[in-house]
């Protein structure tokens, strides 16, 4: 195990010990009920999981089958769950929460929410937001994005403090990790944002930020140049791809440009951004010209693409 990995392992183990103590503090209050935390988790999963079986529960909770079986029998005796033979598989039994079980879960959920609220209250609002964002990111990373609910992703156009720096940072690490770009690309993005802020026109320019529980996970922008609109800063965090977010952002830009009566939209991209180029082409963009750009990475070709929004040819001389 190399030093970097060993350090990461030690930090995660340290956090686990710390957070286990935090959960213990919360759990002591919940355990004024008759249930352990494991039992509450089982009841919660039975309530929310369609066609729930003991096998499904064991997989979801990574719980020993024997221990899980004892919990299920306990809940059956208390009348909080019932089991019925599966119509699709005669060897399996589906588990359902009863009305009494649902009522008890409502009480437990209320108690749990109250306890966590008391835990959070002393923290400044900024710290609470930071805590929630990082917890969401932990879940997203460890589930490889499978925990993301599309309805939890919001898109806003008002610019908040820190947005520009964070989007620049995202460009820096994503293009470095995925395409091997140099820091010259990050400087290019930073310079473009400086110009954007210096000449920002709220009626002609716009920046869209896609957020997941307060964390920016995607962006796109429009900058006006006469009757032409320049599309900029189109980016989606790797964990949030393949769910239609990029297409949605692109559609909003095109709709905005049409509403503002721009004659065309143009953009600069690179030859190695296959998925982005595919999206552009599907939306109606065409390659106009290309040039080498060794500053970002050796052998890279920079492309200019354009979409005409009128029936007339756009005037490229207007800026």
Protein backbone atom coordinates (compact mmCIF):
# COMPACT_ATOMS: atom_id res chain seq x y z
CA UNK A 1 0.00 0.00 0.00
CA UNK A 2 1.56 3.30 -1.09
CA UNK A 3 1.80 6.28 1.25
CA UNK A 4 -1.02 8.26 -0.37
CA UNK A 5 -3.47 5.35 -0.21
CA UNK A 6 -2.42 4.53 3.36
CA UNK A 7 -3.09 8.14 4.40
CA UNK A 8 -6.52 8.06 2.74
CA UNK A 9 -7.39 4.81 4.48
CA UNK A 10 -6.33 6.23 7.86
CA UNK A 11 -8.42 9.37 7.35
CA UNK A 12 -11.51 7.37 6.38
CA UNK A 13 -11.12 5.09 9.40
CA UNK A 14 -10.75 8.13 11.63
CA UNK A 15 -13.91 9.66 10.19
CA UNK A 16 -15.77 6.36 10.61
CA UNK A 17 -14.92 6.27 14.32
CA UNK A 18 -16.00 9.89 14.72
CA UNK A 19 -19.26 9.51 12.81
CA UNK A 20 -20.13 6.25 14.56
CA UNK A 21 -20.04 8.21 17.82
CA UNK A 22 -22.30 10.87 16.29
CA UNK A 23 -24.77 8.21 15.15
CA UNK A 24 -24.61 6.70 18.62
CA UNK A 25 -25.65 10.00 20.18
CA UNK A 26 -28.59 10.27 17.81
CA UNK A 27 -29.46 6.60 18.22
CA UNK A 28 -29.69 6.84 22.02
CA UNK A 29 -32.61 9.19 21.62
CA UNK A 30 -34.30 7.07 18.97
CA UNK A 31 -33.86 4.03 21.19
CA UNK A 32 -36.32 5.43 23.66
CA UNK A 33 -38.48 3.35 21.34
CA UNK A 34 -38.44 -0.44 21.45
CA UNK A 35 -36.28 -0.75 18.33
CA UNK A 36 -32.58 -0.83 17.56
CA UNK A 37 -31.21 1.21 14.69
CA UNK A 38 -30.89 -1.97 12.57
CA UNK A 39 -34.54 -2.80 13.19
CA UNK A 40 -35.64 0.69 12.20
CA UNK A 41 -33.65 0.38 8.96
CA UNK A 42 -35.39 -2.91 8.15
CA UNK A 43 -38.83 -1.46 8.76
CA UNK A 44 -37.96 1.61 6.68
CA UNK A 45 -36.83 -0.48 3.71
CA UNK A 46 -39.92 -2.71 3.85
CA UNK A 47 -42.08 0.42 3.79
CA UNK A 48 -40.41 1.99 0.75
CA UNK A 49 -39.33 -1.03 -1.34
CA UNK A 50 -41.82 -2.50 -3.85
CA UNK A 51 -41.97 -6.32 -4.01
CA UNK A 52 -39.76 -6.49 -0.95
CA UNK A 53 -38.46 -9.92 0.08
CA UNK A 54 -35.97 -11.03 2.73
CA UNK A 55 -33.41 -11.57 -0.08
CA UNK A 56 -33.95 -8.03 -1.37
CA UNK A 57 -33.60 -6.67 2.17
CA UNK A 58 -30.41 -8.62 2.78
CA UNK A 59 -28.88 -7.21 -0.42
CA UNK A 60 -29.94 -3.62 0.31
CA UNK A 61 -28.80 -3.60 3.93
CA UNK A 62 -25.83 -6.00 3.59
CA UNK A 63 -27.22 -7.76 6.65
CA UNK A 64 -26.65 -11.34 7.80
CA UNK A 65 -29.59 -13.48 6.67
CA UNK A 66 -30.04 -15.11 10.07
CA UNK A 67 -30.06 -11.80 11.94
CA UNK A 68 -32.48 -10.35 9.39
CA UNK A 69 -34.79 -13.35 9.74
CA UNK A 70 -35.02 -12.80 13.52
CA UNK A 71 -35.94 -9.13 12.99
CA UNK A 72 -38.62 -10.05 10.45
CA UNK A 73 -40.16 -12.60 12.86
CA UNK A 74 -40.18 -9.97 15.62
CA UNK A 75 -42.03 -7.50 13.38
CA UNK A 76 -44.56 -10.15 12.39
CA UNK A 77 -45.30 -10.90 16.05
CA UNK A 78 -45.78 -7.21 16.83
CA UNK A 79 -48.10 -6.87 13.83
CA UNK A 80 -45.95 -4.23 12.12
CA UNK A 81 -45.38 -6.27 8.96
CA UNK A 82 -47.06 -9.11 7.12
CA UNK A 83 -45.86 -11.53 4.49
CA UNK A 84 -47.71 -12.83 1.44
CA UNK A 85 -46.67 -15.42 -1.10
CA UNK A 86 -45.29 -13.85 -4.28
CA UNK A 87 -47.53 -14.21 -7.32
CA UNK A 88 -44.50 -14.40 -9.62
CA UNK A 89 -42.45 -16.82 -7.50
CA UNK A 90 -44.23 -19.36 -5.32
CA UNK A 91 -41.07 -19.95 -3.28
CA UNK A 92 -40.74 -16.30 -2.23
CA UNK A 93 -42.76 -14.15 0.16
CA UNK A 94 -43.25 -10.41 -0.22
CA UNK A 95 -43.06 -8.30 2.91
CA UNK A 96 -45.50 -5.44 3.54
CA UNK A 97 -45.75 -2.90 6.30
CA UNK A 98 -49.11 -2.86 8.11
CA UNK A 99 -51.08 0.20 9.13
CA UNK A 100 -49.79 -0.23 12.68
CA UNK A 101 -46.22 -0.46 11.37
CA UNK A 102 -46.67 2.61 9.20
CA UNK A 103 -48.00 4.57 12.16
CA UNK A 104 -45.00 3.53 14.27
CA UNK A 105 -42.60 4.48 11.48
CA UNK A 106 -44.21 7.91 11.25
CA UNK A 107 -43.57 8.40 14.97
CA UNK A 108 -39.96 7.22 14.65
CA UNK A 109 -39.31 9.40 11.61
CA UNK A 110 -40.68 12.41 13.46
CA UNK A 111 -38.45 11.69 16.45
CA UNK A 112 -35.42 11.16 14.22
CA UNK A 113 -36.01 14.41 12.32
CA UNK A 114 -36.41 16.31 15.55
CA UNK A 115 -33.16 14.90 16.93
CA UNK A 116 -31.16 15.71 13.79
CA UNK A 117 -32.67 19.22 13.70
CA UNK A 118 -31.49 19.76 17.28
CA UNK A 119 -28.06 18.49 16.27
CA UNK A 120 -27.89 20.97 13.36
CA UNK A 121 -29.36 24.04 15.05
CA UNK A 122 -26.13 25.26 16.73
CA UNK A 123 -24.29 25.24 13.39
CA UNK A 124 -24.16 28.40 11.24
CA UNK A 125 -26.28 28.17 8.09
CA UNK A 126 -23.15 28.10 5.89
CA UNK A 127 -21.78 25.11 7.81
CA UNK A 128 -25.10 23.26 7.61
CA UNK A 129 -25.23 23.75 3.85
CA UNK A 130 -21.61 22.62 3.52
CA UNK A 131 -22.30 19.53 5.62
CA UNK A 132 -25.34 18.51 3.56
CA UNK A 133 -23.53 19.10 0.25
CA UNK A 134 -20.59 16.95 1.31
CA UNK A 135 -22.81 14.16 2.59
CA UNK A 136 -24.62 14.17 -0.74
CA UNK A 137 -21.29 14.02 -2.59
CA UNK A 138 -20.12 11.07 -0.47
CA UNK A 139 -23.28 9.13 -1.35
CA UNK A 140 -23.01 10.08 -5.03
CA UNK A 141 -19.38 8.97 -5.29
CA UNK A 142 -19.79 5.69 -3.39
CA UNK A 143 -22.92 4.73 -5.40
CA UNK A 144 -21.34 5.85 -8.70
CA UNK A 145 -24.23 8.23 -9.23
CA UNK A 146 -26.95 5.60 -8.74
CA UNK A 147 -28.34 7.47 -5.72
CA UNK A 148 -29.04 10.63 -7.76
CA UNK A 149 -32.68 11.55 -8.26
CA UNK A 150 -33.16 13.73 -11.37
CA UNK A 151 -35.83 15.74 -9.55
CA UNK A 152 -33.22 16.81 -6.99
CA UNK A 153 -31.19 18.59 -9.69
CA UNK A 154 -32.18 22.23 -10.13
CA UNK A 155 -31.03 24.82 -12.67
CA UNK A 156 -30.68 28.49 -11.83
CA UNK A 157 -29.53 31.57 -13.72
CA UNK A 158 -28.78 33.98 -10.86
CA UNK A 159 -25.05 34.17 -10.21
CA UNK A 160 -23.98 33.48 -6.61
CA UNK A 161 -20.71 34.34 -4.92
CA UNK A 162 -18.22 31.56 -5.63
CA UNK A 163 -19.93 30.26 -8.79
CA UNK A 164 -17.30 31.53 -11.19
CA UNK A 165 -14.40 30.17 -9.16
CA UNK A 166 -16.06 26.78 -8.70
CA UNK A 167 -16.94 26.36 -12.39
CA UNK A 168 -13.37 27.33 -13.32
CA UNK A 169 -12.09 24.74 -10.83
CA UNK A 170 -14.38 22.09 -12.35
CA UNK A 171 -13.03 22.81 -15.83
CA UNK A 172 -9.48 22.53 -14.50
CA UNK A 173 -9.72 19.11 -12.87
CA UNK A 174 -12.16 17.47 -15.31
CA UNK A 175 -10.20 18.40 -18.42
CA UNK A 176 -6.93 17.45 -16.70
CA UNK A 177 -8.20 14.05 -15.52
CA UNK A 178 -10.19 13.09 -18.61
CA UNK A 179 -8.24 14.69 -21.44
CA UNK A 180 -4.81 15.57 -20.07
CA UNK A 181 -5.17 19.31 -20.62
CA UNK A 182 -2.57 21.65 -19.17
CA UNK A 183 -3.21 24.50 -16.73
CA UNK A 184 -3.24 26.81 -19.76
CA UNK A 185 -6.81 25.64 -20.36
CA UNK A 186 -7.84 26.56 -16.83
CA UNK A 187 -6.28 29.99 -17.35
CA UNK A 188 -8.26 30.33 -20.59
CA UNK A 189 -11.50 29.58 -18.71
CA UNK A 190 -10.59 32.00 -15.91
CA UNK A 191 -9.79 34.79 -18.38
CA UNK A 192 -13.07 34.23 -20.21
CA UNK A 193 -14.99 34.63 -16.95
CA UNK A 194 -13.13 37.85 -16.11
CA UNK A 195 -14.25 39.28 -19.44
CA UNK A 196 -17.79 37.96 -18.88
CA UNK A 197 -18.12 39.69 -15.51
CA UNK A 198 -16.57 42.94 -16.72
CA UNK A 199 -19.02 43.28 -19.63
CA UNK A 200 -22.03 41.36 -18.28
CA UNK A 201 -25.35 42.41 -19.80
CA UNK A 202 -28.25 40.75 -17.98
CA UNK A 203 -30.49 41.19 -21.02
CA UNK A 204 -28.14 39.49 -23.48
CA UNK A 205 -25.83 37.24 -21.41
CA UNK A 206 -26.66 34.36 -19.10
CA UNK A 207 -25.02 31.64 -17.00
CA UNK A 208 -26.93 28.49 -16.08
CA UNK A 209 -25.81 26.47 -13.04
CA UNK A 210 -27.16 22.96 -12.45
CA UNK A 211 -27.12 22.08 -8.75
CA UNK A 212 -27.59 18.94 -6.71
CA UNK A 213 -28.45 19.87 -3.12
CA UNK A 214 -26.43 23.08 -3.42
CA UNK A 215 -23.39 21.69 -5.26
CA UNK A 216 -22.81 22.83 -8.84
CA UNK A 217 -22.73 19.74 -11.09
CA UNK A 218 -23.07 21.37 -14.50
CA UNK A 219 -22.94 24.70 -16.29
CA UNK A 220 -23.44 26.46 -19.59
CA UNK A 221 -23.40 30.09 -20.65
CA UNK A 222 -24.28 32.55 -23.39
CA UNK A 223 -22.29 35.71 -24.19
CA UNK A 224 -23.67 38.18 -26.72
CA UNK A 225 -21.54 39.57 -29.57
CA UNK A 226 -23.83 41.76 -31.67
CA UNK A 227 -26.35 39.50 -33.41
CA UNK A 228 -24.31 36.39 -32.56
CA UNK A 229 -24.39 34.50 -29.27
CA UNK A 230 -21.35 32.59 -28.05
CA UNK A 231 -22.00 29.37 -26.13
CA UNK A 232 -19.50 28.91 -23.31
CA UNK A 233 -18.61 26.83 -20.23
CA UNK A 234 -20.64 23.75 -21.16
CA UNK A 235 -19.71 21.14 -18.56
CA UNK A 236 -21.32 18.29 -16.62
CA UNK A 237 -19.72 16.55 -13.62
CA UNK A 238 -18.84 12.92 -14.55
CA UNK A 239 -21.21 11.50 -11.92
CA UNK A 240 -24.16 13.36 -13.46
CA UNK A 241 -23.81 12.31 -17.08
CA UNK A 242 -26.04 9.97 -19.05
CA UNK A 243 -29.20 11.31 -17.41
CA UNK A 244 -30.06 14.00 -19.96
CA UNK A 245 -28.66 16.94 -17.99
CA UNK A 246 -26.30 18.09 -20.76
CA UNK A 247 -29.08 18.00 -23.35
CA UNK A 248 -31.36 19.93 -21.00
CA UNK A 249 -28.76 22.67 -20.46
CA UNK A 250 -28.12 22.93 -24.19
CA UNK A 251 -31.84 23.24 -24.93
CA UNK A 252 -32.16 26.10 -22.44
CA UNK A 253 -29.30 27.99 -24.11
CA UNK A 254 -30.84 27.59 -27.58
CA UNK A 255 -34.25 28.70 -26.32
CA UNK A 256 -32.69 31.76 -24.64
CA UNK A 257 -30.80 32.73 -27.81
CA UNK A 258 -33.97 32.43 -29.89
CA UNK A 259 -35.97 34.50 -27.41
CA UNK A 260 -33.31 37.23 -27.51
CA UNK A 261 -33.43 37.24 -31.35
CA UNK A 262 -29.81 36.28 -31.91
CA UNK A 263 -29.09 35.38 -35.52
CA UNK A 264 -26.81 32.48 -34.63
CA UNK A 265 -25.00 30.69 -31.85
CA UNK A 266 -21.35 29.75 -32.18
CA UNK A 267 -18.96 27.89 -29.90
CA UNK A 268 -15.38 26.75 -29.62
CA UNK A 269 -14.74 23.13 -28.72
CA UNK A 270 -11.99 20.55 -29.19
CA UNK A 271 -11.65 17.55 -31.46
CA UNK A 272 -11.41 15.06 -28.58
CA UNK A 273 -14.75 16.01 -26.97
CA UNK A 274 -16.74 13.39 -28.86
CA UNK A 275 -19.85 13.36 -26.67
CA UNK A 276 -20.12 17.16 -26.61
CA UNK A 277 -19.65 17.35 -30.39
CA UNK A 278 -22.37 14.73 -30.84
CA UNK A 279 -24.77 16.80 -28.71
CA UNK A 280 -23.92 19.94 -30.68
CA UNK A 281 -24.50 18.21 -34.00
CA UNK A 282 -27.79 16.71 -32.83
CA UNK A 283 -28.93 20.19 -31.80
CA UNK A 284 -28.09 21.63 -35.24
CA UNK A 285 -24.53 22.95 -34.93
CA UNK A 286 -22.11 22.54 -37.85
CA UNK A 287 -18.33 22.74 -37.93
CA UNK A 288 -17.17 25.99 -39.52
CA UNK A 289 -13.38 25.83 -39.12
CA UNK A 290 -10.59 24.29 -37.10
CA UNK A 291 -7.09 25.15 -35.96
CA UNK A 292 -4.35 23.42 -33.94
CA UNK A 293 -4.08 24.28 -30.25
CA UNK A 294 -0.96 22.80 -28.67
CA UNK A 295 -1.27 25.09 -25.65
CA UNK A 296 -3.90 22.91 -24.00
CA UNK A 297 -2.47 19.58 -25.18
CA UNK A 298 -0.10 18.62 -27.93
CA UNK A 299 -1.81 17.57 -31.14
CA UNK A 300 -5.20 19.04 -30.18
CA UNK A 301 -7.46 20.62 -32.79
CA UNK A 302 -9.75 23.48 -31.73
CA UNK A 303 -13.07 23.58 -33.60
CA UNK A 304 -15.54 26.39 -34.18
CA UNK A 305 -19.16 25.30 -34.63
CA UNK A 306 -22.23 27.35 -35.38
CA UNK A 307 -26.01 27.11 -35.47
CA UNK A 308 -28.03 29.51 -37.62
CA UNK A 309 -31.21 30.70 -35.88
CA UNK A 310 -32.60 32.59 -38.87
CA UNK A 311 -33.35 31.80 -42.49
CA UNK A 312 -30.60 34.21 -43.53
CA UNK A 313 -26.87 33.61 -43.33
CA UNK A 314 -25.46 35.16 -40.11
CA UNK A 315 -23.17 38.14 -40.46
CA UNK A 316 -19.85 37.03 -38.92
CA UNK A 317 -18.42 40.55 -39.11
CA UNK A 318 -20.72 41.84 -36.41
CA UNK A 319 -19.23 41.65 -32.92
